[in-house]
Amino acid sequence: MSSDNQWSADEDEGQLSRLIRKSRDSPFVPVGIAGFVTVVSYGLYKLKYRRDQKMSIHLIHLRVAAQGFVVGAVTLGVLYSMYKDYIRPRFFNVSKK
């Protein structure tokens, strides 16, 4: 094997630094994660006060709300990426970084 290998794994990169690096590349992923955790936390809190609603119905509503938030965040991320890559350079003559 040659020592000038083009790809090498960064062994020193921890989970937090990886999350920070990935959030710079796509900023709506942490927003989706935070929204998911918020919806699930709120749903678990409201589990105590669900009155006569069945547990399965409550969990279905919770799942739909959490998935809706994540899908919304991913959609906003895709729209932002499209704007950054295609619309802004075309109309504002900004070079890609």
Protein backbone atom coordinates (compact mmCIF):
# COMPACT_ATOMS: atom_id res chain seq x y z
CA MET A 1 0.00 0.00 0.00
CA SER A 2 1.15 3.48 -0.72
CA SER A 3 1.37 6.02 2.02
CA ASP A 4 -0.21 8.80 -0.09
CA ASN A 5 -3.69 7.36 0.11
CA GLN A 6 -6.33 9.90 -0.94
CA TRP A 7 -8.92 8.83 1.62
CA SER A 8 -8.25 8.42 5.30
CA ALA A 9 -10.69 8.19 8.16
CA ASP A 10 -10.45 10.95 10.71
CA GLU A 11 -10.13 8.96 13.92
CA ASP A 12 -9.92 12.02 16.16
CA GLU A 13 -13.33 13.40 15.15
CA GLY A 14 -15.86 12.88 17.92
CA GLN A 15 -19.63 12.73 17.71
CA LEU A 16 -20.13 16.37 18.67
CA SER A 17 -17.63 17.70 16.14
CA ARG A 18 -19.18 15.49 13.46
CA LEU A 19 -22.65 16.85 14.28
CA ILE A 20 -21.35 20.43 14.11
CA ARG A 21 -19.66 19.79 10.77
CA LYS A 22 -22.76 18.13 9.31
CA SER A 23 -24.99 20.94 10.58
CA ARG A 24 -22.87 23.45 8.68
CA ASP A 25 -23.42 21.45 5.49
CA SER A 26 -27.17 21.07 5.97
CA PRO A 27 -28.50 23.38 8.70
CA PHE A 28 -32.06 22.02 8.79
CA VAL A 29 -31.07 18.55 10.01
CA PRO A 30 -30.49 19.72 13.61
CA VAL A 31 -33.74 21.70 13.38
CA GLY A 32 -35.56 18.50 12.41
CA ILE A 33 -33.92 16.57 15.23
CA ALA A 34 -34.76 19.28 17.77
CA GLY A 35 -38.36 19.46 16.55
CA PHE A 36 -38.72 15.69 16.74
CA VAL A 37 -37.41 15.63 20.31
CA THR A 38 -39.70 18.54 21.24
CA VAL A 39 -42.81 16.89 19.81
CA VAL A 40 -42.03 13.57 21.47
CA SER A 41 -41.33 15.27 24.81
CA TYR A 42 -44.58 17.22 24.63
CA GLY A 43 -46.47 14.08 23.69
CA LEU A 44 -45.05 12.15 26.61
CA TYR A 45 -45.94 15.02 28.92
CA LYS A 46 -49.49 15.11 27.58
CA LEU A 47 -49.77 11.33 27.96
CA LYS A 48 -50.77 11.88 31.56
CA TYR A 49 -53.71 14.13 30.64
CA ARG A 50 -55.16 12.25 27.67
CA ARG A 51 -58.48 11.65 29.48
CA ASP A 52 -60.53 8.93 27.79
CA GLN A 53 -58.49 8.79 24.57
CA LYS A 54 -57.05 5.38 23.75
CA MET A 55 -53.30 4.94 24.07
CA SER A 56 -52.97 3.77 20.45
CA ILE A 57 -54.75 6.88 19.11
CA HIS A 58 -52.55 9.14 21.22
CA LEU A 59 -49.39 7.43 19.96
CA ILE A 60 -50.56 7.64 16.34
CA HIS A 61 -51.17 11.38 16.70
CA LEU A 62 -47.76 11.77 18.31
CA ARG A 63 -46.04 9.86 15.50
CA VAL A 64 -47.80 11.88 12.79
CA ALA A 65 -46.86 15.17 14.46
CA ALA A 66 -43.20 14.17 14.87
CA GLN A 67 -42.93 12.89 11.29
CA GLY A 68 -44.64 16.02 9.99
CA PHE A 69 -42.12 18.23 11.72
CA VAL A 70 -39.17 16.24 10.38
CA VAL A 71 -40.57 16.17 6.82
CA GLY A 72 -41.18 19.92 7.02
CA ALA A 73 -37.61 20.56 8.15
CA VAL A 74 -36.21 18.34 5.38
CA THR A 75 -38.37 20.13 2.80
CA LEU A 76 -37.13 23.52 3.99
CA GLY A 77 -33.57 22.22 3.83
CA VAL A 78 -34.02 21.07 0.23
CA LEU A 79 -35.56 24.39 -0.76
CA TYR A 80 -32.71 26.29 0.90
CA SER A 81 -30.16 24.09 -0.84
CA MET A 82 -31.83 24.66 -4.21
CA TYR A 83 -31.86 28.40 -3.59
CA LYS A 84 -28.21 28.41 -2.55
CA ASP A 85 -27.01 26.26 -5.46
CA TYR A 86 -29.18 27.39 -8.38
CA ILE A 87 -31.21 30.55 -7.81
CA ARG A 88 -28.75 32.78 -5.98
CA PRO A 89 -25.82 32.20 -8.39
CA ARG A 90 -28.02 32.73 -11.44
CA PHE A 91 -29.68 35.97 -10.38
CA PHE A 92 -27.10 37.51 -8.05
CA ASN A 93 -23.87 36.38 -9.77
CA VAL A 94 -22.49 34.80 -6.60
CA SER A 95 -19.88 32.08 -7.02
CA LYS A 96 -20.26 28.74 -5.22
CA LYS A 97 -18.09 28.16 -2.16
